[in-house]
Amino acid sequence: MKRKNLTAGSAVRRAAAAVGALLCALAVGALATTGTVGLGGGARDADPAVDGARAVPVAATETGLVCPTPAQLEQPDVGDDAFSAAPVATTTSLTAAVLDGADGEQPAVTTLDGEQEAELTGPLEQGADAAVLDGRLPGARVLRLTPGTATYAAATVASVTTEGDLRGLVAGPCVQPAVEHWLVGGSTSVGSSGRLVLQNPGRTAATVTLQAWGASGPVVLGSQSLVVVPPGEQVVTMLEAVAPDQSRLALHVTAEGGRVGAYVQHHRIEGLVPAGADLVVAGGAPSRTTAVSGVTSTGETVDDPHAPRLDVLTPGTRAGTARLVVLGPDGPVRLRGGEELPLEPGQVTTLPLGGLPAGSYTVVVDADVPVVAGAAVDRKGAAADDAVIDDDPYDRAWLAGQAVAGQTGAGQTGAGHGGTADGAVAVPEDVVYGVTLSGVPDERGPDEIEDATGSTEVTLRGVGRDGEVAWTHPVDVPAGQTVEVGWSELEELGDAVAVVAEQPADQPEVVWSVRLVQADDASLFSVLAPTPPLAADGDVRVRRVDAAG
């Protein structure tokens, strides 16, 4: 199969032409937005017409998904494998699927500066439904494409380390660079390390401002709060050097002059025993309603230090209260006094989630002030036969909070939906996976949540390695409950490199996630939230305004 690549020159010319057209539209007063089309579905409703406005077609421009780099340690080798922090090599792969085409051209993988094509060791397959990339990842990469009439683009970088300080399945999505990121998770207490990675795939330098909060309030970063990220480069900041001895962390990354990608590679040890490694990736912006999907319990006790935990931050200046709803396989689960969580402004508040029956859960946070949230889940492994220390290691997954469309809570009414469940997750090789879906009722007050009714039929689609849709699987998700589609059920459907989920816009909202488990060691795992569809071709509504006014 002959591959049609995007060259840097053609990409720049196309982007410049599209940006020029968009600026002309803005000069006469852009007023409204585009619609999007789901895979196999109809167009979403556009904004109502504005008096005196007319629709101007605007073609989608090239975009890039910037990918995490392979997991690595910033520590010297001690020269003795028995005590080395990295006794085995780390294997890293990139898996990506671009659905519904890319404006007639296949996606391309480039280095971060975009100047050269960067081949993977694996092939690119072009099917009728998707283009699939799969191979080993040697360094920072950008997946570049131009959305067509509708595009789901999902890409996952997964690093597997079976021993040493980085033991774990460290996975994260490739994301569109942005001017703002909220990262909830990680720590810099003794035994923990956090690498904040800022990536700039653009052509101008980006000046990044960092804000940090811990258990006691805002963390003073001093001169380290400003970071300049040159074009086509990445900058790594060790958080323990700028925000030491923080048992919990939340970061706000804002960029000027360009858009950046941001994530934290976190790992920790307990004495000499690995205690988990994963990526803390960006979640939803501050909102009065957020949800964390994919919290799993093995029946840990309330006081178990490895029980799941929820981290919540209100970054404003007002104190508030968060009301928590835990949606389980049999409906809402009470937290024994944890339903209401007092929030102090600027402090990361942690709520242990021990005591839950074994199963998968989604935690919905409704607050009277804007909040961001995340969660941590641990999984116990087994010590190696030749290990110097007999204690069992753990792996840890950091879960990002997801936006919930309905601004609801006690005494509030849902604000409607927009197909929040729509999205995709790429599935790396050599893992098994399960999908967790939870129906979020519009009304979640103490009385209403117990009486939630209705359900949502979510359509799951699996994309095969040949680029064809391999299977379609409808899942009925009752409001107020969590449904787990396990790996054995998915395995019977067929192999897939990506899973797409879509829901009707007029049914109770669903949030979902994918749990990845290393095929050879079930104690190595990670949890990924879906990547939403990319903006596609559409209309911008404009009207003439008086520039002198």
Protein backbone atom coordinates (compact mmCIF):
# COMPACT_ATOMS: atom_id res chain seq x y z
CA MET A 1 0.00 0.00 0.00
CA LYS A 2 1.41 3.35 -1.01
CA ARG A 3 1.35 5.93 1.74
CA LYS A 4 0.47 9.58 1.05
CA ASN A 5 2.38 11.69 3.61
CA LEU A 6 1.90 15.23 4.83
CA THR A 7 5.04 17.27 4.29
CA ALA A 8 5.95 20.14 6.59
CA GLY A 9 5.68 22.67 3.76
CA SER A 10 2.26 21.58 2.59
CA ALA A 11 1.00 21.45 6.13
CA VAL A 12 2.15 25.00 6.84
CA ARG A 13 0.63 26.34 3.61
CA ARG A 14 -2.70 24.67 4.29
CA ALA A 15 -2.76 25.86 7.90
CA ALA A 16 -1.82 29.41 6.89
CA ALA A 17 -4.54 29.57 4.25
CA ALA A 18 -7.17 28.30 6.64
CA VAL A 19 -6.08 30.66 9.41
CA GLY A 20 -6.18 33.58 6.98
CA ALA A 21 -9.72 32.70 5.99
CA LEU A 22 -10.71 32.45 9.62
CA LEU A 23 -9.21 35.84 10.45
CA CYS A 24 -11.17 37.42 7.62
CA ALA A 25 -14.35 35.94 9.07
CA LEU A 26 -13.45 37.27 12.51
CA ALA A 27 -12.92 40.74 11.08
CA VAL A 28 -16.62 40.99 10.34
CA GLY A 29 -17.63 39.53 13.71
CA ALA A 30 -17.73 35.76 14.16
CA LEU A 31 -20.70 34.79 16.23
CA ALA A 32 -21.29 31.07 16.40
CA THR A 33 -19.80 27.62 16.20
CA THR A 34 -19.61 24.54 14.05
CA GLY A 35 -21.52 21.30 14.37
CA THR A 36 -19.90 17.87 14.57
CA VAL A 37 -20.87 14.54 13.14
CA GLY A 38 -20.50 11.26 14.99
CA LEU A 39 -19.27 8.02 13.48
CA GLY A 40 -22.30 6.59 11.78
CA GLY A 41 -24.54 9.29 13.28
CA GLY A 42 -26.23 12.49 12.24
CA ALA A 43 -25.02 16.03 12.68
CA ARG A 44 -25.32 17.74 16.05
CA ASP A 45 -27.61 20.75 16.17
CA ALA A 46 -25.86 24.06 15.48
CA ASP A 47 -26.46 27.22 17.50
CA PRO A 48 -29.65 29.11 16.68
CA ALA A 49 -29.40 31.65 13.91
CA VAL A 50 -28.48 35.19 14.88
CA ASP A 51 -30.33 38.11 13.28
CA GLY A 52 -28.34 39.56 10.42
CA ALA A 53 -25.84 36.70 10.42
CA ARG A 54 -24.96 34.35 7.61
CA ALA A 55 -23.17 31.02 7.53
CA VAL A 56 -19.64 30.95 6.11
CA PRO A 57 -18.06 27.52 5.50
CA VAL A 58 -14.69 27.06 7.18
CA ALA A 59 -12.51 24.06 6.39
CA ALA A 60 -10.86 22.22 9.24
CA THR A 61 -7.14 22.95 9.57
CA GLU A 62 -4.33 20.56 10.31
CA THR A 63 -4.04 19.67 13.96
CA GLY A 64 -1.54 17.70 15.97
CA LEU A 65 -1.87 15.40 18.95
CA VAL A 66 1.27 15.67 21.04
CA CYS A 67 2.28 12.39 22.67
CA PRO A 68 3.93 11.61 26.01
CA THR A 69 7.53 10.51 25.83
CA PRO A 70 8.72 7.07 27.01
CA ALA A 71 8.81 6.76 30.80
CA GLN A 72 12.27 7.31 32.22
CA LEU A 73 14.18 7.84 35.47
CA GLU A 74 16.27 10.91 36.27
CA GLN A 75 18.64 8.81 38.40
CA PRO A 76 22.18 7.48 37.81
CA ASP A 77 22.88 3.77 37.53
CA VAL A 78 24.49 2.40 40.71
CA GLY A 79 26.28 -0.32 38.77
CA ASP A 80 24.68 -3.24 40.63
CA ASP A 81 21.50 -4.73 39.17
CA ALA A 82 20.46 -6.02 42.59
CA PHE A 83 20.13 -2.43 43.86
CA SER A 84 19.65 -0.53 40.61
CA ALA A 85 16.65 1.76 40.26
CA ALA A 86 16.29 0.51 36.66
CA PRO A 87 17.40 -3.15 36.48
CA VAL A 88 15.35 -3.86 33.34
CA ALA A 89 14.64 -1.96 30.16
CA THR A 90 11.39 -0.06 29.58
CA THR A 91 9.40 -0.92 26.44
CA THR A 92 7.28 1.90 24.97
CA SER A 93 4.73 1.77 22.16
CA LEU A 94 2.45 4.22 20.36
CA THR A 95 -0.95 3.03 19.14
CA ALA A 96 -3.24 5.37 17.22
CA ALA A 97 -6.45 5.17 15.21
CA VAL A 98 -7.91 8.01 13.12
CA LEU A 99 -11.51 7.30 12.15
CA ASP A 100 -13.62 8.65 9.29
CA GLY A 101 -10.59 9.69 7.29
CA ALA A 102 -8.42 12.78 7.46
CA ASP A 103 -9.53 15.06 4.64
CA GLY A 104 -8.27 12.64 2.00
CA GLU A 105 -4.80 12.32 3.50
CA GLN A 106 -3.41 9.81 5.90
CA PRO A 107 -2.10 11.02 9.25
CA ALA A 108 1.63 11.49 9.70
CA VAL A 109 3.88 11.07 12.70
CA THR A 110 6.60 13.71 13.08
CA THR A 111 9.15 14.71 15.64
CA LEU A 112 8.11 17.46 18.05
CA ASP A 113 9.55 20.20 15.84
CA GLY A 114 7.52 18.94 12.86
CA GLU A 115 10.45 19.18 10.49
CA GLN A 116 10.78 15.53 9.58
CA GLU A 117 8.70 12.44 9.21
CA ALA A 118 9.33 10.01 12.06
CA GLU A 119 8.58 6.42 11.18
CA LEU A 120 7.54 3.90 13.79
CA THR A 121 8.84 0.37 13.77
CA GLY A 122 5.30 -0.83 13.05
CA PRO A 123 3.22 -0.24 9.90
CA LEU A 124 0.46 2.21 9.07
CA GLU A 125 -2.68 0.46 7.88
CA GLN A 126 -5.37 2.28 5.95
CA GLY A 127 -8.83 0.72 6.05
CA ALA A 128 -12.21 1.89 4.89
CA ASP A 129 -13.04 3.14 8.38
CA ALA A 130 -9.74 4.21 9.92
CA ALA A 131 -6.02 4.69 9.59
CA VAL A 132 -4.10 2.74 12.24
CA LEU A 133 -0.58 3.35 13.50
CA ASP A 134 1.18 0.90 15.78
CA GLY A 135 4.83 0.59 16.76
CA ARG A 136 7.63 1.25 19.18
CA LEU A 137 8.13 4.84 20.31
CA PRO A 138 11.71 6.12 20.62
CA GLY A 139 10.98 9.70 21.72
CA ALA A 140 8.62 12.69 21.59
CA ARG A 141 6.21 12.47 18.66
CA VAL A 142 3.24 14.36 17.22
CA LEU A 143 0.37 12.73 15.33
CA ARG A 144 -0.60 15.25 12.63
CA LEU A 145 -3.85 15.12 10.67
CA THR A 146 -6.57 17.25 9.14
CA PRO A 147 -10.08 16.37 10.35
CA GLY A 148 -12.55 15.56 7.60
CA THR A 149 -16.32 15.68 7.93
CA ALA A 150 -15.91 13.97 11.31
CA THR A 151 -12.87 12.53 13.00
CA TYR A 152 -12.17 10.51 16.07
CA ALA A 153 -8.43 10.50 16.66
CA ALA A 154 -7.24 8.46 19.63
CA ALA A 155 -3.62 7.67 20.42
CA THR A 156 -2.06 6.07 23.49
CA VAL A 157 1.56 5.87 24.59
CA ALA A 158 2.25 2.96 26.95
CA SER A 159 5.53 2.22 28.74
CA VAL A 160 5.94 -1.14 30.49
CA THR A 161 8.60 -1.76 33.14
CA THR A 162 8.50 -5.05 35.01
CA GLU A 163 11.03 -4.29 37.78
CA GLY A 164 12.69 -1.36 39.51
CA ASP A 165 11.46 2.06 40.59
CA LEU A 166 9.46 2.51 37.38
CA ARG A 167 7.67 -0.83 37.71
CA GLY A 168 4.24 -0.35 36.22
CA LEU A 169 2.14 0.25 33.14
CA VAL A 170 2.66 3.97 32.48
CA ALA A 171 0.07 5.06 29.92
CA GLY A 172 -1.38 8.31 28.67
CA PRO A 173 -3.17 9.75 25.64
CA CYS A 174 -1.81 11.96 22.88
CA VAL A 175 -3.68 15.26 23.24
CA GLN A 176 -4.25 18.48 21.39
CA PRO A 177 -1.97 21.20 22.79
CA ALA A 178 -3.83 23.86 24.73
CA VAL A 179 -3.33 27.13 26.59
CA GLU A 180 -4.56 25.64 29.87
CA HIS A 181 -4.21 22.31 31.68
CA TRP A 182 -5.40 21.16 35.11
CA LEU A 183 -3.43 18.22 36.56
CA VAL A 184 -4.69 16.60 39.77
CA GLY A 185 -2.46 13.91 41.22
CA GLY A 186 1.09 12.98 42.09
CA SER A 187 3.20 13.86 45.10
CA THR A 188 6.73 14.85 46.11
CA SER A 189 6.88 13.35 49.60
CA VAL A 190 9.76 11.05 50.54
CA GLY A 191 9.95 8.20 48.03
CA SER A 192 7.93 10.02 45.35
CA SER A 193 9.08 11.75 42.20
CA GLY A 194 7.22 13.81 39.62
CA ARG A 195 8.51 14.86 36.19
CA LEU A 196 6.42 17.70 34.80
CA VAL A 197 6.82 17.58 31.02
CA LEU A 198 5.85 20.63 28.94
CA GLN A 199 5.83 20.08 25.15
CA ASN A 200 5.58 22.77 22.49
CA PRO A 201 4.87 21.42 18.99
CA GLY A 202 4.31 24.94 17.62
CA ARG A 203 6.57 27.38 15.78
CA THR A 204 6.76 30.09 18.44
CA ALA A 205 8.05 29.98 21.99
CA ALA A 206 5.45 29.50 24.73
CA THR A 207 5.76 31.15 28.14
CA VAL A 208 4.19 28.83 30.70
CA THR A 209 2.96 29.90 34.14
CA LEU A 210 2.75 27.22 36.81
CA GLN A 211 0.51 27.24 39.86
CA ALA A 212 0.59 24.49 42.46
CA TRP A 213 -1.54 23.53 45.44
CA GLY A 214 -0.97 20.98 48.18
CA ALA A 215 -2.64 19.70 51.33
CA SER A 216 -1.86 22.93 53.20
CA GLY A 217 -2.72 25.38 50.44
CA PRO A 218 -0.94 27.13 47.55
CA VAL A 219 2.69 26.12 47.02
CA VAL A 220 5.13 28.98 46.47
CA LEU A 221 7.18 28.23 43.36
CA GLY A 222 9.09 31.53 43.15
CA SER A 223 11.06 32.01 39.95
CA GLN A 224 10.23 28.44 38.93
CA SER A 225 6.63 29.46 38.25
CA LEU A 226 7.61 30.77 34.79
CA VAL A 227 8.97 28.36 32.19
CA VAL A 228 9.83 29.20 28.58
CA VAL A 229 9.30 26.27 26.21
CA PRO A 230 11.09 26.83 22.87
CA PRO A 231 9.29 25.88 19.66
CA GLY A 232 9.57 22.22 18.77
CA GLU A 233 11.04 21.30 22.14
CA GLN A 234 10.05 20.04 25.56
CA VAL A 235 11.11 21.16 29.04
CA VAL A 236 11.21 18.85 32.06
CA THR A 237 10.84 20.15 35.62
CA MET A 238 11.37 17.87 38.60
CA LEU A 239 8.55 18.76 40.96
CA GLU A 240 10.38 17.59 44.07
CA ALA A 241 12.93 20.34 43.38
CA VAL A 242 10.37 23.17 43.13
CA ALA A 243 7.53 21.86 45.35
CA PRO A 244 9.16 19.48 47.85
CA ASP A 245 7.45 17.35 50.51
CA GLN A 246 3.91 17.55 49.14
CA SER A 247 1.81 14.49 49.95
CA ARG A 248 -0.74 15.53 47.29
CA LEU A 249 -0.60 17.96 44.39
CA ALA A 250 -2.70 19.83 41.87
CA LEU A 251 -1.17 21.91 39.08
CA HIS A 252 -2.52 24.62 36.79
CA VAL A 253 -0.53 25.13 33.59
CA THR A 254 -1.26 28.21 31.46
CA ALA A 255 0.60 29.16 28.29
CA GLU A 256 1.05 32.40 26.36
CA GLY A 257 2.53 32.69 22.87
CA GLY A 258 1.66 29.12 21.94
CA ARG A 259 -0.19 25.98 22.93
CA VAL A 260 1.51 23.23 24.89
CA GLY A 261 1.00 19.68 26.07
CA ALA A 262 1.49 18.96 29.77
CA TYR A 263 1.59 15.89 31.97
CA VAL A 264 3.36 14.56 35.07
CA GLN A 265 5.22 11.24 35.12
CA HIS A 266 4.89 10.11 38.74
CA HIS A 267 6.46 7.15 40.48
CA ARG A 268 6.98 6.24 44.10
CA ILE A 269 8.75 3.64 46.25
CA GLU A 270 8.15 2.45 49.82
CA GLY A 271 11.61 1.83 51.20
CA LEU A 272 13.14 -0.21 48.37
CA VAL A 273 9.85 -1.62 47.09
CA PRO A 274 8.18 -0.17 43.96
CA ALA A 275 4.82 1.40 44.82
CA GLY A 276 3.50 2.42 41.41
CA ALA A 277 4.16 4.53 38.32
CA ASP A 278 1.78 6.29 35.94
CA LEU A 279 1.05 9.57 34.16
CA VAL A 280 -1.04 12.34 35.68
CA VAL A 281 -2.81 13.82 32.66
CA ALA A 282 -5.06 16.83 32.24
CA GLY A 283 -8.68 16.58 33.33
CA GLY A 284 -11.66 18.89 33.21
CA ALA A 285 -11.37 22.60 34.06
CA PRO A 286 -12.88 23.87 37.34
CA SER A 287 -16.60 23.16 37.39
CA ARG A 288 -19.32 22.62 39.95
CA THR A 289 -19.83 19.10 38.60
CA THR A 290 -17.13 16.61 37.66
CA ALA A 291 -16.87 12.83 37.55
CA VAL A 292 -14.03 10.35 37.99
CA SER A 293 -14.63 7.07 36.15
CA GLY A 294 -12.76 3.80 36.57
CA VAL A 295 -12.29 3.67 40.36
CA THR A 296 -11.85 -0.02 41.19
CA SER A 297 -12.02 -1.64 44.60
CA THR A 298 -10.81 -5.07 45.62
CA GLY A 299 -12.64 -4.76 48.95
CA GLU A 300 -9.94 -2.77 50.78
CA THR A 301 -10.77 -1.76 54.35
CA VAL A 302 -11.41 1.83 55.37
CA ASP A 303 -7.94 2.20 56.91
CA ASP A 304 -6.00 0.41 54.15
CA PRO A 305 -3.30 2.84 52.87
CA HIS A 306 -3.68 1.28 49.41
CA ALA A 307 -7.43 1.83 49.22
CA PRO A 308 -8.62 4.09 46.36
CA ARG A 309 -8.64 7.81 47.14
CA LEU A 310 -10.27 10.93 45.72
CA ASP A 311 -8.47 14.30 45.51
CA VAL A 312 -10.52 17.51 45.19
CA LEU A 313 -9.32 21.12 44.87
CA THR A 314 -11.25 24.37 44.84
CA PRO A 315 -8.71 26.78 43.32
CA GLY A 316 -10.75 29.91 44.09
CA THR A 317 -10.90 32.01 47.24
CA ARG A 318 -14.22 30.77 48.66
CA ALA A 319 -14.71 27.78 50.91
CA GLY A 320 -17.42 25.34 49.93
CA THR A 321 -18.89 21.90 50.26
CA ALA A 322 -18.78 19.03 47.80
CA ARG A 323 -21.46 16.36 47.75
CA LEU A 324 -20.26 12.98 46.51
CA VAL A 325 -22.24 10.30 44.73
CA VAL A 326 -20.58 6.91 44.21
CA LEU A 327 -22.19 4.94 41.38
CA GLY A 328 -21.61 1.19 41.63
CA PRO A 329 -22.76 -1.97 39.85
CA ASP A 330 -25.97 -2.07 41.91
CA GLY A 331 -26.59 1.66 42.08
CA PRO A 332 -25.46 4.45 44.44
CA VAL A 333 -23.22 3.39 47.36
CA ARG A 334 -23.04 5.34 50.61
CA LEU A 335 -19.62 6.33 51.98
CA ARG A 336 -20.42 6.22 55.71
CA GLY A 337 -20.25 9.93 56.41
CA GLY A 338 -18.25 10.78 53.28
CA GLU A 339 -21.19 12.02 51.22
CA GLU A 340 -20.35 15.64 52.09
CA LEU A 341 -16.78 16.92 51.90
CA PRO A 342 -15.84 20.36 53.34
CA LEU A 343 -13.57 22.29 50.98
CA GLU A 344 -11.04 24.91 52.01
CA PRO A 345 -9.97 27.30 49.23
CA GLY A 346 -6.59 26.44 47.73
CA GLN A 347 -6.20 23.13 49.58
CA VAL A 348 -6.15 19.67 48.00
CA THR A 349 -8.61 17.63 50.05
CA THR A 350 -8.31 13.84 50.02
CA LEU A 351 -11.12 11.41 50.77
CA PRO A 352 -10.16 7.72 51.23
CA LEU A 353 -12.55 5.38 49.41
CA GLY A 354 -11.83 2.25 51.44
CA GLY A 355 -14.76 0.12 52.51
CA LEU A 356 -16.33 -0.15 49.07
CA PRO A 357 -17.37 -3.65 47.97
CA ALA A 358 -15.21 -5.13 45.22
CA GLY A 359 -16.17 -3.70 41.84
CA SER A 360 -15.90 -0.71 39.50
CA TYR A 361 -17.23 2.74 40.38
CA THR A 362 -17.62 6.31 39.20
CA VAL A 363 -17.47 9.15 41.71
CA VAL A 364 -19.55 12.23 40.85
CA VAL A 365 -18.61 15.44 42.65
CA ASP A 366 -21.23 18.21 42.95
CA ALA A 367 -19.97 21.35 44.69
CA ASP A 368 -21.22 24.84 45.42
CA VAL A 369 -17.87 26.23 44.21
CA PRO A 370 -15.87 25.28 41.07
CA VAL A 371 -13.59 22.29 41.68
CA VAL A 372 -11.18 19.96 39.90
CA ALA A 373 -10.80 16.33 40.90
CA GLY A 374 -8.83 13.15 40.34
CA ALA A 375 -8.35 9.76 41.94
CA ALA A 376 -5.65 7.18 42.65
CA VAL A 377 -6.10 3.40 42.54
CA ASP A 378 -3.49 0.84 43.65
CA ARG A 379 -3.10 -2.79 42.66
CA LYS A 380 -0.96 -5.35 44.49
CA GLY A 381 1.66 -7.42 42.68
CA ALA A 382 4.01 -10.20 43.74
CA ALA A 383 7.67 -9.93 44.66
CA ALA A 384 10.10 -11.51 42.19
CA ASP A 385 11.68 -14.81 43.19
CA ASP A 386 15.16 -13.22 43.29
CA ALA A 387 14.05 -9.95 44.90
CA VAL A 388 16.28 -8.60 47.67
CA ILE A 389 13.18 -7.41 49.58
CA ASP A 390 10.28 -9.83 50.13
CA ASP A 391 7.56 -7.17 50.34
CA ASP A 392 5.07 -7.17 47.50
CA PRO A 393 5.18 -4.25 45.04
CA TYR A 394 2.18 -2.16 43.93
CA ASP A 395 1.24 -0.36 40.77
CA ARG A 396 -0.81 2.85 40.79
CA ALA A 397 -3.14 4.44 38.24
CA TRP A 398 -4.01 8.15 38.32
CA LEU A 399 -7.52 8.92 37.08
CA ALA A 400 -8.46 12.32 35.64
CA GLY A 401 -11.75 14.03 36.41
CA GLN A 402 -14.13 14.42 33.45
CA ALA A 403 -16.53 17.26 32.77
CA VAL A 404 -20.21 16.54 33.25
CA ALA A 405 -22.58 18.50 31.04
CA GLY A 406 -25.47 18.78 33.50
CA GLN A 407 -24.69 21.34 36.23
CA THR A 408 -26.69 19.51 38.85
CA GLY A 409 -26.66 18.57 42.49
CA ALA A 410 -28.87 18.75 45.51
CA GLY A 411 -31.86 20.84 44.58
CA GLN A 412 -30.60 21.56 41.06
CA THR A 413 -31.86 20.44 37.66
CA GLY A 414 -29.85 19.08 34.76
CA ALA A 415 -28.77 21.50 32.07
CA GLY A 416 -29.05 19.02 29.22
CA HIS A 417 -26.59 16.87 27.32
CA GLY A 418 -24.42 17.09 24.26
CA GLY A 419 -23.28 13.54 23.73
CA THR A 420 -20.68 13.70 26.51
CA ALA A 421 -19.96 9.98 26.18
CA ASP A 422 -18.79 10.41 22.59
CA GLY A 423 -15.08 9.71 22.38
CA ALA A 424 -12.40 7.10 21.72
CA VAL A 425 -9.51 5.34 23.45
CA ALA A 426 -6.61 3.64 21.67
CA VAL A 427 -5.63 0.23 23.06
CA PRO A 428 -1.91 -0.70 23.04
CA GLU A 429 -0.60 -4.13 22.08
CA ASP A 430 0.04 -6.76 24.74
CA VAL A 431 -2.73 -5.54 27.05
CA VAL A 432 -6.20 -6.73 27.93
CA TYR A 433 -8.79 -4.10 28.65
CA GLY A 434 -12.24 -3.44 30.04
CA VAL A 435 -14.69 -0.57 29.60
CA THR A 436 -16.42 1.08 32.58
CA LEU A 437 -19.61 3.05 31.86
CA SER A 438 -21.76 4.92 34.39
CA GLY A 439 -25.14 6.57 33.94
CA VAL A 440 -25.21 9.99 35.64
CA PRO A 441 -28.74 10.99 36.69
CA ASP A 442 -29.81 14.56 36.07
CA GLU A 443 -30.94 14.94 39.68
CA ARG A 444 -28.51 13.73 42.34
CA GLY A 445 -29.94 15.03 45.59
CA PRO A 446 -30.06 12.66 48.61
CA ASP A 447 -33.61 11.61 47.80
CA GLU A 448 -33.56 11.76 43.99
CA ILE A 449 -30.45 9.62 43.44
CA GLU A 450 -32.04 6.55 45.01
CA ASP A 451 -35.03 6.83 42.68
CA ALA A 452 -33.13 7.44 39.43
CA THR A 453 -34.87 5.99 36.41
CA GLY A 454 -34.16 5.57 32.73
CA SER A 455 -31.15 4.22 30.89
CA THR A 456 -28.88 5.05 27.98
CA GLU A 457 -27.94 2.71 25.16
CA VAL A 458 -24.28 3.39 24.42
CA THR A 459 -22.86 1.97 21.21
CA LEU A 460 -19.31 0.63 21.47
CA ARG A 461 -17.32 0.07 18.28
CA GLY A 462 -13.98 -1.68 18.02
CA VAL A 463 -11.49 -0.73 15.30
CA GLY A 464 -9.30 -3.60 14.10
CA ARG A 465 -5.63 -3.44 13.18
CA ASP A 466 -6.60 -3.47 9.51
CA GLY A 467 -8.44 -0.15 9.87
CA GLU A 468 -11.90 -1.73 9.60
CA VAL A 469 -14.61 -1.57 12.25
CA ALA A 470 -14.27 -5.09 13.72
CA TRP A 471 -17.36 -5.17 15.91
CA THR A 472 -20.29 -3.18 17.28
CA HIS A 473 -21.65 -3.76 20.76
CA PRO A 474 -24.65 -1.95 22.32
CA VAL A 475 -24.54 -1.51 26.11
CA ASP A 476 -27.57 -0.51 28.18
CA VAL A 477 -26.39 1.76 31.03
CA PRO A 478 -29.05 2.40 33.73
CA ALA A 479 -29.04 5.85 35.31
CA GLY A 480 -27.31 5.71 38.69
CA GLN A 481 -25.40 2.50 37.96
CA THR A 482 -21.99 1.44 36.67
CA VAL A 483 -21.68 -1.23 33.99
CA GLU A 484 -18.42 -3.08 33.39
CA VAL A 485 -17.74 -4.64 29.98
CA GLY A 486 -14.91 -6.99 30.87
CA TRP A 487 -11.96 -8.13 28.80
CA SER A 488 -13.35 -11.64 28.31
CA GLU A 489 -16.52 -10.24 26.75
CA LEU A 490 -14.53 -7.84 24.58
CA GLU A 491 -12.12 -10.61 23.58
CA GLU A 492 -15.03 -12.63 22.22
CA LEU A 493 -16.04 -9.65 20.07
CA GLY A 494 -12.61 -9.48 18.44
CA ASP A 495 -9.24 -7.74 18.54
CA ALA A 496 -9.26 -3.93 18.52
CA VAL A 497 -6.72 -1.10 18.55
CA ALA A 498 -9.32 1.50 19.54
CA VAL A 499 -12.74 1.61 21.17
CA VAL A 500 -15.28 4.29 20.26
CA ALA A 501 -18.35 5.01 22.40
CA GLU A 502 -21.35 7.09 21.33
CA GLN A 503 -24.58 7.92 23.10
CA PRO A 504 -27.84 9.63 22.07
CA ALA A 505 -28.04 13.26 23.18
CA ASP A 506 -31.54 12.91 24.65
CA GLN A 507 -30.82 10.17 27.22
CA PRO A 508 -29.18 10.26 30.68
CA GLU A 509 -25.54 11.21 30.44
CA VAL A 510 -22.83 8.54 30.55
CA VAL A 511 -19.20 8.90 31.59
CA TRP A 512 -16.76 6.11 30.80
CA SER A 513 -13.16 4.98 30.87
CA VAL A 514 -10.94 2.10 29.75
CA ARG A 515 -8.83 0.06 32.14
CA LEU A 516 -5.65 -1.36 30.58
CA VAL A 517 -4.01 -4.42 32.14
CA GLN A 518 -0.67 -5.89 31.09
CA ALA A 519 -1.32 -9.28 29.53
CA ASP A 520 1.60 -11.03 31.28
CA ASP A 521 1.12 -9.42 34.71
CA ALA A 522 -2.37 -8.37 35.79
CA SER A 523 -0.97 -6.19 38.59
CA LEU A 524 0.37 -3.69 36.02
CA PHE A 525 -2.47 -1.43 34.93
CA SER A 526 -3.61 2.06 33.93
CA VAL A 527 -6.96 3.83 33.38
CA LEU A 528 -7.66 6.20 30.48
CA ALA A 529 -10.49 8.67 29.93
CA PRO A 530 -11.79 9.02 26.34
CA THR A 531 -10.51 11.56 23.84
CA PRO A 532 -13.41 13.63 22.45
CA PRO A 533 -13.99 14.01 18.68
CA LEU A 534 -11.89 16.60 16.85
CA ALA A 535 -13.43 19.72 15.37
CA ALA A 536 -14.33 19.09 11.73
CA ASP A 537 -15.49 21.06 8.72
CA GLY A 538 -18.45 23.31 9.47
CA ASP A 539 -19.99 26.74 9.27
CA VAL A 540 -19.12 29.88 11.19
CA ARG A 541 -21.97 32.40 11.55
CA VAL A 542 -20.83 35.98 10.98
CA ARG A 543 -22.43 39.41 10.77
CA ARG A 544 -21.12 42.83 9.89
CA VAL A 545 -20.23 45.16 12.75
CA ASP A 546 -19.12 48.78 12.94
CA ALA A 547 -15.34 48.55 13.37
CA ALA A 548 -15.17 52.19 14.47
CA GLY A 549 -17.49 51.49 17.43
